[in-house]
Amino acid sequence: MATPSPHDRSKKKTWSDPSDEEEAEDPVERMISRTGCAELHEALQDCMAEHRDWRACQSHVGAFQKCMSAHHKARQEHLSQGQRT
């Protein structure tokens, strides 16, 4: 007897309510929205969906990376100021 492949994507998820799937927010998207970089991330995702090649989206990758780096730097500064007081 063959064992099912763990990569079988044909299996349907069972939900108690189909609308739950639409309302459930991705934790990564929630984290990105807190950084202030959500619009850049969405633009990057749109570019990737259109071109299906990250090399064609380098301007979007760079803009998102710059935004995330600025957020990380600001957060680090905020945390280090809190430790001083």
PDB file of N, CA and C in Angstrom:
ATOM      1  N   MET A   1       0.834  -1.175   0.000  1.00  0.00           N
ATOM      2  CA  MET A   1       0.000   0.000   0.000  1.00  0.00           C
ATOM      3  C   MET A   1       0.883   1.243   0.000  1.00  0.00           C
ATOM      4  N   ALA A   2       0.634   2.140  -0.905  1.00  0.00           N
ATOM      5  CA  ALA A   2       1.449   3.344  -1.048  1.00  0.00           C
ATOM      6  C   ALA A   2       1.059   4.365   0.014  1.00  0.00           C
ATOM      7  N   THR A   3       2.080   5.018   0.546  1.00  0.00           N
ATOM      8  CA  THR A   3       1.801   6.075   1.521  1.00  0.00           C
ATOM      9  C   THR A   3       1.593   7.374   0.779  1.00  0.00           C
ATOM     10  N   PRO A   4       0.689   8.211   1.261  1.00  0.00           N
ATOM     11  CA  PRO A   4       0.440   9.476   0.570  1.00  0.00           C
ATOM     12  C   PRO A   4       1.649  10.401   0.674  1.00  0.00           C
ATOM     13  N   SER A   5       1.871  11.148  -0.359  1.00  0.00           N
ATOM     14  CA  SER A   5       2.987  12.090  -0.387  1.00  0.00           C
ATOM     15  C   SER A   5       2.716  13.244   0.577  1.00  0.00           C
ATOM     16  N   PRO A   6       3.709  13.648   1.361  1.00  0.00           N
ATOM     17  CA  PRO A   6       3.505  14.804   2.241  1.00  0.00           C
ATOM     18  C   PRO A   6       3.389  16.105   1.453  1.00  0.00           C
ATOM     19  N   HIS A   7       3.707  16.045   0.169  1.00  0.00           N
ATOM     20  CA  HIS A   7       3.650  17.242  -0.673  1.00  0.00           C
ATOM     21  C   HIS A   7       2.380  17.302  -1.507  1.00  0.00           C
ATOM     22  N   ASP A   8       1.433  16.419  -1.211  1.00  0.00           N
ATOM     23  CA  ASP A   8       0.187  16.393  -1.962  1.00  0.00           C
ATOM     24  C   ASP A   8      -0.638  17.620  -1.611  1.00  0.00           C
ATOM     25  N   ARG A   9      -0.755  18.538  -2.543  1.00  0.00           N
ATOM     26  CA  ARG A   9      -1.496  19.778  -2.319  1.00  0.00           C
ATOM     27  C   ARG A   9      -2.966  19.656  -2.713  1.00  0.00           C
ATOM     28  N   SER A  10      -3.373  18.467  -3.158  1.00  0.00           N
ATOM     29  CA  SER A  10      -4.746  18.292  -3.604  1.00  0.00           C
ATOM     30  C   SER A  10      -5.714  18.117  -2.446  1.00  0.00           C
ATOM     31  N   LYS A  11      -5.194  17.848  -1.263  1.00  0.00           N
ATOM     32  CA  LYS A  11      -6.061  17.681  -0.099  1.00  0.00           C
ATOM     33  C   LYS A  11      -6.697  19.014   0.261  1.00  0.00           C
ATOM     34  N   LYS A  12      -7.978  18.973   0.541  1.00  0.00           N
ATOM     35  CA  LYS A  12      -8.672  20.198   0.927  1.00  0.00           C
ATOM     36  C   LYS A  12      -8.628  20.344   2.438  1.00  0.00           C
ATOM     37  N   LYS A  13      -8.414  21.568   2.883  1.00  0.00           N
ATOM     38  CA  LYS A  13      -8.451  21.842   4.309  1.00  0.00           C
ATOM     39  C   LYS A  13      -9.908  21.865   4.744  1.00  0.00           C
ATOM     40  N   THR A  14     -10.143  21.381   5.929  1.00  0.00           N
ATOM     41  CA  THR A  14     -11.502  21.422   6.441  1.00  0.00           C
ATOM     42  C   THR A  14     -11.596  22.562   7.438  1.00  0.00           C
ATOM     43  N   TRP A  15     -12.552  23.419   7.249  1.00  0.00           N
ATOM     44  CA  TRP A  15     -12.785  24.571   8.102  1.00  0.00           C
ATOM     45  C   TRP A  15     -14.201  24.480   8.636  1.00  0.00           C
ATOM     46  N   SER A  16     -14.386  24.932   9.825  1.00  0.00           N
ATOM     47  CA  SER A  16     -15.727  24.930  10.386  1.00  0.00           C
ATOM     48  C   SER A  16     -16.600  25.942   9.652  1.00  0.00           C
ATOM     49  N   ASP A  17     -15.990  27.001   9.193  1.00  0.00           N
ATOM     50  CA  ASP A  17     -16.708  28.040   8.467  1.00  0.00           C
ATOM     51  C   ASP A  17     -15.794  28.524   7.352  1.00  0.00           C
ATOM     52  N   PRO A  18     -16.199  28.432   6.078  1.00  0.00           N
ATOM     53  CA  PRO A  18     -15.331  28.868   4.984  1.00  0.00           C
ATOM     54  C   PRO A  18     -14.909  30.329   5.080  1.00  0.00           C
ATOM     55  N   SER A  19     -15.707  31.169   5.703  1.00  0.00           N
ATOM     56  CA  SER A  19     -15.335  32.584   5.805  1.00  0.00           C
ATOM     57  C   SER A  19     -14.176  32.784   6.772  1.00  0.00           C
ATOM     58  N   ASP A  20     -13.921  31.808   7.665  1.00  0.00           N
ATOM     59  CA  ASP A  20     -12.787  31.917   8.582  1.00  0.00           C
ATOM     60  C   ASP A  20     -11.470  32.028   7.834  1.00  0.00           C
ATOM     61  N   GLU A  21     -11.337  31.299   6.723  1.00  0.00           N
ATOM     62  CA  GLU A  21     -10.107  31.320   5.942  1.00  0.00           C
ATOM     63  C   GLU A  21      -9.859  32.712   5.377  1.00  0.00           C
ATOM     64  N   GLU A  22     -10.899  33.380   4.924  1.00  0.00           N
ATOM     65  CA  GLU A  22     -10.751  34.716   4.350  1.00  0.00           C
ATOM     66  C   GLU A  22     -10.411  35.740   5.421  1.00  0.00           C
ATOM     67  N   GLU A  23     -10.940  35.559   6.624  1.00  0.00           N
ATOM     68  CA  GLU A  23     -10.736  36.530   7.685  1.00  0.00           C
ATOM     69  C   GLU A  23      -9.416  36.334   8.421  1.00  0.00           C
ATOM     70  N   ALA A  24      -8.859  35.134   8.360  1.00  0.00           N
ATOM     71  CA  ALA A  24      -7.612  34.855   9.059  1.00  0.00           C
ATOM     72  C   ALA A  24      -6.481  35.618   8.391  1.00  0.00           C
ATOM     73  N   GLU A  25      -5.789  36.436   9.187  1.00  0.00           N
ATOM     74  CA  GLU A  25      -4.686  37.224   8.648  1.00  0.00           C
ATOM     75  C   GLU A  25      -3.386  36.473   8.834  1.00  0.00           C
ATOM     76  N   ASP A  26      -2.574  36.516   7.824  1.00  0.00           N
ATOM     77  CA  ASP A  26      -1.274  35.873   7.855  1.00  0.00           C
ATOM     78  C   ASP A  26      -0.402  36.569   8.913  1.00  0.00           C
ATOM     79  N   PRO A  27       0.230  35.823   9.807  1.00  0.00           N
ATOM     80  CA  PRO A  27       1.070  36.449  10.836  1.00  0.00           C
ATOM     81  C   PRO A  27       2.226  37.256  10.249  1.00  0.00           C
ATOM     82  N   VAL A  28       2.745  36.838   9.105  1.00  0.00           N
ATOM     83  CA  VAL A  28       3.833  37.596   8.474  1.00  0.00           C
ATOM     84  C   VAL A  28       3.311  38.947   7.990  1.00  0.00           C
ATOM     85  N   GLU A  29       2.143  38.946   7.370  1.00  0.00           N
ATOM     86  CA  GLU A  29       1.557  40.205   6.921  1.00  0.00           C
ATOM     87  C   GLU A  29       1.260  41.126   8.100  1.00  0.00           C
ATOM     88  N   ARG A  30       0.799  40.556   9.199  1.00  0.00           N
ATOM     89  CA  ARG A  30       0.525  41.353  10.400  1.00  0.00           C
ATOM     90  C   ARG A  30       1.813  41.984  10.913  1.00  0.00           C
ATOM     91  N   MET A  31       2.905  41.218  10.930  1.00  0.00           N
ATOM     92  CA  MET A  31       4.193  41.734  11.381  1.00  0.00           C
ATOM     93  C   MET A  31       4.683  42.851  10.452  1.00  0.00           C
ATOM     94  N   ILE A  32       4.559  42.630   9.156  1.00  0.00           N
ATOM     95  CA  ILE A  32       5.009  43.640   8.194  1.00  0.00           C
ATOM     96  C   ILE A  32       4.178  44.908   8.303  1.00  0.00           C
ATOM     97  N   SER A  33       2.891  44.781   8.553  1.00  0.00           N
ATOM     98  CA  SER A  33       2.039  45.973   8.659  1.00  0.00           C
ATOM     99  C   SER A  33       2.453  46.838   9.841  1.00  0.00           C
ATOM    100  N   ARG A  34       3.011  46.221  10.893  1.00  0.00           N
ATOM    101  CA  ARG A  34       3.468  46.992  12.052  1.00  0.00           C
ATOM    102  C   ARG A  34       4.759  47.753  11.771  1.00  0.00           C
ATOM    103  N   THR A  35       5.451  47.406  10.701  1.00  0.00           N
ATOM    104  CA  THR A  35       6.721  48.065  10.398  1.00  0.00           C
ATOM    105  C   THR A  35       6.526  49.357   9.603  1.00  0.00           C
ATOM    106  N   GLY A  36       5.355  49.507   8.983  1.00  0.00           N
ATOM    107  CA  GLY A  36       5.133  50.647   8.107  1.00  0.00           C
ATOM    108  C   GLY A  36       5.575  50.382   6.679  1.00  0.00           C
ATOM    109  N   CYS A  37       5.930  49.135   6.381  1.00  0.00           N
ATOM    110  CA  CYS A  37       6.441  48.774   5.057  1.00  0.00           C
ATOM    111  C   CYS A  37       5.444  47.935   4.255  1.00  0.00           C
ATOM    112  N   ALA A  38       4.196  47.880   4.692  1.00  0.00           N
ATOM    113  CA  ALA A  38       3.211  46.994   4.074  1.00  0.00           C
ATOM    114  C   ALA A  38       2.946  47.344   2.608  1.00  0.00           C
ATOM    115  N   GLU A  39       2.885  48.630   2.293  1.00  0.00           N
ATOM    116  CA  GLU A  39       2.624  49.020   0.895  1.00  0.00           C
ATOM    117  C   GLU A  39       3.759  48.575  -0.020  1.00  0.00           C
ATOM    118  N   LEU A  40       4.989  48.707   0.454  1.00  0.00           N
ATOM    119  CA  LEU A  40       6.141  48.268  -0.343  1.00  0.00           C
ATOM    120  C   LEU A  40       6.145  46.750  -0.499  1.00  0.00           C
ATOM    121  N   HIS A  41       5.749  46.052   0.536  1.00  0.00           N
ATOM    122  CA  HIS A  41       5.684  44.588   0.466  1.00  0.00           C
ATOM    123  C   HIS A  41       4.606  44.156  -0.526  1.00  0.00           C
ATOM    124  N   GLU A  42       3.485  44.832  -0.487  1.00  0.00           N
ATOM    125  CA  GLU A  42       2.406  44.512  -1.427  1.00  0.00           C
ATOM    126  C   GLU A  42       2.840  44.783  -2.863  1.00  0.00           C
ATOM    127  N   ALA A  43       3.539  45.901  -3.087  1.00  0.00           N
ATOM    128  CA  ALA A  43       4.036  46.209  -4.430  1.00  0.00           C
ATOM    129  C   ALA A  43       5.032  45.138  -4.894  1.00  0.00           C
ATOM    130  N   LEU A  44       5.870  44.672  -3.993  1.00  0.00           N
ATOM    131  CA  LEU A  44       6.820  43.611  -4.317  1.00  0.00           C
ATOM    132  C   LEU A  44       6.078  42.326  -4.670  1.00  0.00           C
ATOM    133  N   GLN A  45       5.070  41.977  -3.898  1.00  0.00           N
ATOM    134  CA  GLN A  45       4.283  40.779  -4.190  1.00  0.00           C
ATOM    135  C   GLN A  45       3.584  40.898  -5.539  1.00  0.00           C
ATOM    136  N   ASP A  46       3.043  42.075  -5.836  1.00  0.00           N
ATOM    137  CA  ASP A  46       2.384  42.286  -7.127  1.00  0.00           C
ATOM    138  C   ASP A  46       3.376  42.118  -8.274  1.00  0.00           C
ATOM    139  N   CYS A  47       4.567  42.683  -8.102  1.00  0.00           N
ATOM    140  CA  CYS A  47       5.601  42.560  -9.131  1.00  0.00           C
ATOM    141  C   CYS A  47       5.983  41.096  -9.334  1.00  0.00           C
ATOM    142  N   MET A  48       6.145  40.384  -8.234  1.00  0.00           N
ATOM    143  CA  MET A  48       6.508  38.966  -8.328  1.00  0.00           C
ATOM    144  C   MET A  48       5.397  38.158  -9.001  1.00  0.00           C
ATOM    145  N   ALA A  49       4.157  38.492  -8.708  1.00  0.00           N
ATOM    146  CA  ALA A  49       3.039  37.783  -9.329  1.00  0.00           C
ATOM    147  C   ALA A  49       3.002  38.056 -10.832  1.00  0.00           C
ATOM    148  N   GLU A  50       3.323  39.281 -11.201  1.00  0.00           N
ATOM    149  CA  GLU A  50       3.288  39.657 -12.622  1.00  0.00           C
ATOM    150  C   GLU A  50       4.447  39.044 -13.397  1.00  0.00           C
ATOM    151  N   HIS A  51       5.665  39.153 -12.858  1.00  0.00           N
ATOM    152  CA  HIS A  51       6.859  38.754 -13.599  1.00  0.00           C
ATOM    153  C   HIS A  51       7.334  37.338 -13.290  1.00  0.00           C
ATOM    154  N   ARG A  52       6.979  36.823 -12.122  1.00  0.00           N
ATOM    155  CA  ARG A  52       7.402  35.495 -11.679  1.00  0.00           C
ATOM    156  C   ARG A  52       8.925  35.329 -11.721  1.00  0.00           C
ATOM    157  N   ASP A  53       9.628  36.431 -11.481  1.00  0.00           N
ATOM    158  CA  ASP A  53      11.087  36.407 -11.463  1.00  0.00           C
ATOM    159  C   ASP A  53      11.564  37.558 -10.588  1.00  0.00           C
ATOM    160  N   TRP A  54      12.182  37.240  -9.457  1.00  0.00           N
ATOM    161  CA  TRP A  54      12.591  38.277  -8.523  1.00  0.00           C
ATOM    162  C   TRP A  54      13.592  39.244  -9.127  1.00  0.00           C
ATOM    163  N   ARG A  55      14.321  38.804 -10.145  1.00  0.00           N
ATOM    164  CA  ARG A  55      15.314  39.684 -10.771  1.00  0.00           C
ATOM    165  C   ARG A  55      14.648  40.850 -11.490  1.00  0.00           C
ATOM    166  N   ALA A  56      13.423  40.664 -11.934  1.00  0.00           N
ATOM    167  CA  ALA A  56      12.695  41.736 -12.612  1.00  0.00           C
ATOM    168  C   ALA A  56      12.115  42.737 -11.612  1.00  0.00           C
ATOM    169  N   CYS A  57      12.197  42.422 -10.333  1.00  0.00           N
ATOM    170  CA  CYS A  57      11.578  43.252  -9.291  1.00  0.00           C
ATOM    171  C   CYS A  57      12.615  43.853  -8.341  1.00  0.00           C
ATOM    172  N   GLN A  58      13.831  44.031  -8.807  1.00  0.00           N
ATOM    173  CA  GLN A  58      14.901  44.487  -7.933  1.00  0.00           C
ATOM    174  C   GLN A  58      14.644  45.856  -7.312  1.00  0.00           C
ATOM    175  N   SER A  59      13.976  46.753  -8.033  1.00  0.00           N
ATOM    176  CA  SER A  59      13.687  48.065  -7.438  1.00  0.00           C
ATOM    177  C   SER A  59      12.729  47.906  -6.259  1.00  0.00           C
ATOM    178  N   HIS A  60      11.776  46.994  -6.381  1.00  0.00           N
ATOM    179  CA  HIS A  60      10.823  46.735  -5.292  1.00  0.00           C
ATOM    180  C   HIS A  60      11.523  46.039  -4.121  1.00  0.00           C
ATOM    181  N   VAL A  61      12.397  45.091  -4.437  1.00  0.00           N
ATOM    182  CA  VAL A  61      13.151  44.387  -3.395  1.00  0.00           C
ATOM    183  C   VAL A  61      13.990  45.393  -2.613  1.00  0.00           C
ATOM    184  N   GLY A  62      14.680  46.271  -3.317  1.00  0.00           N
ATOM    185  CA  GLY A  62      15.532  47.265  -2.663  1.00  0.00           C
ATOM    186  C   GLY A  62      14.752  48.226  -1.797  1.00  0.00           C
ATOM    187  N   ALA A  63      13.606  48.689  -2.291  1.00  0.00           N
ATOM    188  CA  ALA A  63      12.782  49.629  -1.523  1.00  0.00           C
ATOM    189  C   ALA A  63      12.249  48.967  -0.255  1.00  0.00           C
ATOM    190  N   PHE A  64      11.792  47.730  -0.372  1.00  0.00           N
ATOM    191  CA  PHE A  64      11.277  47.012   0.793  1.00  0.00           C
ATOM    192  C   PHE A  64      12.398  46.746   1.786  1.00  0.00           C
ATOM    193  N   GLN A  65      13.553  46.346   1.290  1.00  0.00           N
ATOM    194  CA  GLN A  65      14.696  46.082   2.163  1.00  0.00           C
ATOM    195  C   GLN A  65      15.119  47.351   2.904  1.00  0.00           C
ATOM    196  N   LYS A  66      15.137  48.470   2.209  1.00  0.00           N
ATOM    197  CA  LYS A  66      15.523  49.746   2.826  1.00  0.00           C
ATOM    198  C   LYS A  66      14.531  50.126   3.927  1.00  0.00           C
ATOM    199  N   CYS A  67      13.241  49.952   3.658  1.00  0.00           N
ATOM    200  CA  CYS A  67      12.219  50.271   4.640  1.00  0.00           C
ATOM    201  C   CYS A  67      12.359  49.380   5.875  1.00  0.00           C
ATOM    202  N   MET A  68      12.529  48.084   5.649  1.00  0.00           N
ATOM    203  CA  MET A  68      12.663  47.159   6.778  1.00  0.00           C
ATOM    204  C   MET A  68      13.934  47.449   7.583  1.00  0.00           C
ATOM    205  N   SER A  69      15.006  47.805   6.916  1.00  0.00           N
ATOM    206  CA  SER A  69      16.249  48.135   7.617  1.00  0.00           C
ATOM    207  C   SER A  69      16.073  49.383   8.468  1.00  0.00           C
ATOM    208  N   ALA A  70      15.387  50.382   7.919  1.00  0.00           N
ATOM    209  CA  ALA A  70      15.140  51.614   8.675  1.00  0.00           C
ATOM    210  C   ALA A  70      14.265  51.320   9.895  1.00  0.00           C
ATOM    211  N   HIS A  71      13.261  50.479   9.721  1.00  0.00           N
ATOM    212  CA  HIS A  71      12.409  50.114  10.851  1.00  0.00           C
ATOM    213  C   HIS A  71      13.216  49.381  11.913  1.00  0.00           C
ATOM    214  N   HIS A  72      14.045  48.436  11.484  1.00  0.00           N
ATOM    215  CA  HIS A  72      14.859  47.665  12.417  1.00  0.00           C
ATOM    216  C   HIS A  72      15.815  48.586  13.179  1.00  0.00           C
ATOM    217  N   LYS A  73      16.433  49.511  12.479  1.00  0.00           N
ATOM    218  CA  LYS A  73      17.365  50.445  13.121  1.00  0.00           C
ATOM    219  C   LYS A  73      16.637  51.311  14.147  1.00  0.00           C
ATOM    220  N   ALA A  74      15.470  51.833  13.764  1.00  0.00           N
ATOM    221  CA  ALA A  74      14.695  52.665  14.683  1.00  0.00           C
ATOM    222  C   ALA A  74      14.258  51.868  15.912  1.00  0.00           C
ATOM    223  N   ARG A  75      13.885  50.623  15.703  1.00  0.00           N
ATOM    224  CA  ARG A  75      13.466  49.772  16.821  1.00  0.00           C
ATOM    225  C   ARG A  75      14.639  49.490  17.746  1.00  0.00           C
ATOM    226  N   GLN A  76      15.797  49.225  17.173  1.00  0.00           N
ATOM    227  CA  GLN A  76      16.986  48.972  17.989  1.00  0.00           C
ATOM    228  C   GLN A  76      17.337  50.206  18.822  1.00  0.00           C
ATOM    229  N   GLU A  77      17.245  51.387  18.206  1.00  0.00           N
ATOM    230  CA  GLU A  77      17.535  52.621  18.932  1.00  0.00           C
ATOM    231  C   GLU A  77      16.534  52.833  20.057  1.00  0.00           C
ATOM    232  N   HIS A  78      15.281  52.569  19.779  1.00  0.00           N
ATOM    233  CA  HIS A  78      14.239  52.709  20.790  1.00  0.00           C
ATOM    234  C   HIS A  78      14.481  51.754  21.970  1.00  0.00           C
ATOM    235  N   LEU A  79      14.843  50.512  21.644  1.00  0.00           N
ATOM    236  CA  LEU A  79      15.102  49.536  22.690  1.00  0.00           C
ATOM    237  C   LEU A  79      16.333  49.907  23.506  1.00  0.00           C
ATOM    238  N   SER A  80      17.362  50.410  22.851  1.00  0.00           N
ATOM    239  CA  SER A  80      18.576  50.775  23.596  1.00  0.00           C
ATOM    240  C   SER A  80      18.341  52.003  24.465  1.00  0.00           C
ATOM    241  N   GLN A  81      17.474  52.920  24.031  1.00  0.00           N
ATOM    242  CA  GLN A  81      17.127  54.072  24.874  1.00  0.00           C
ATOM    243  C   GLN A  81      16.344  53.616  26.104  1.00  0.00           C
ATOM    244  N   GLY A  82      15.497  52.626  25.944  1.00  0.00           N
ATOM    245  CA  GLY A  82      14.732  52.102  27.070  1.00  0.00           C
ATOM    246  C   GLY A  82      15.617  51.425  28.093  1.00  0.00           C
ATOM    247  N   GLN A  83      16.714  50.841  27.668  1.00  0.00           N
ATOM    248  CA  GLN A  83      17.626  50.157  28.592  1.00  0.00           C
ATOM    249  C   GLN A  83      18.444  51.173  29.372  1.00  0.00           C
ATOM    250  N   ARG A  84      18.646  52.354  28.813  1.00  0.00           N
ATOM    251  CA  ARG A  84      19.445  53.382  29.492  1.00  0.00           C
ATOM    252  C   ARG A  84      18.687  54.031  30.634  1.00  0.00           C
ATOM    253  N   THR A  85      17.375  54.075  30.522  1.00  0.00           N
ATOM    254  CA  THR A  85      16.598  54.764  31.563  1.00  0.00           C
ATOM    255  C   THR A  85      16.244  53.862  32.706  1.00  0.00           C
TER     256      THR A  85
END
